[in-house]
Amino acid sequence: MPRKSAIPSIADRNAAEGGVAAVDRALSVLGVFSAATPLLSLADISTLTEMHKSTVLRLLASLEHAHLIRRQPDGRYALGAGIVRLHQIYAASFSLESVIMPALRELVAQTKESAAFHVQQGDRRLCLHRVDSPRPVRDHIRPGDLLPLDRGAGGRIITAYSGAAGAMYARIRRDQVVVLVGDRIPEIAGIAAPVFNPDGECLGALTLTMPTDRFDAAFEKPVVQGARKLTALLGGEYPPPP
């Protein structure tokens, strides 16, 4: 009978309600691998998951059998070919629009203002998706419109995460959000936060825009929460602020 730790592991503390503990623990093992730590020893995995080495070793054996983990000649572990197969299936069924549009609708429902997702296209930014405010007075950007990178909340986010120098962009990277009033045009205020892909790169900017007389600084919170949720849904992870 395996010895049960007196201190719950990370997986035990974050277990799925009604789920299977062994599955939660196995997923916890997979979750410690990243681009920064693609190779890990048994001791590393035990420390990062807060599980006994004996428990981790049994989990690794099952994961290796399923080709989700592979053991290196030096004894360290890496993700296996089974992960590639699952990613290919995921990519074949994945639609960016199907993930982004619900996030935009949720943000509009919370704020009653217009939400959009912008990506870089050359030296400009493209409004890839948008959901309009239900209010009649609003800005009238449409999906497919090209906007400047050096003005407006969405443009500032993309520029900041392209490595631009300057106090404003350093502050954006530190705060991971930008709030601007009248930056692109005097009548419009905007709030934007970055969305990251699985490689840790800025995929685009989640933006909320409104007439300046309806600007509410409290909208910063749902924008940040929305960007973080969207990042997670896209398989990314928010980096620590510099």
Foldseek 3Di string as FASTA:
>chain_A
DDDDDPDDWPLVVVPDVVDDSLVSLLVLLLVVDAPVRQKAALVRSCVSRVHDSVSSVVSQVVCVVQQQKDADPVRIIGGGCNVVVVVVVCVVPDDLCVLVVVLQVVLCVVQLFKKFWWADDPQWIFGQDIDHRPDPDHDDDDGGDTGGLQFDFFSLQNCLLVPDDDDSSLVCLQVQKDWAAQGRHNQKTKIWGFAAARNRGGGGIIMTMGTNVSDDPVSNVSRVVSRQVSNVVRNHHHDHRD
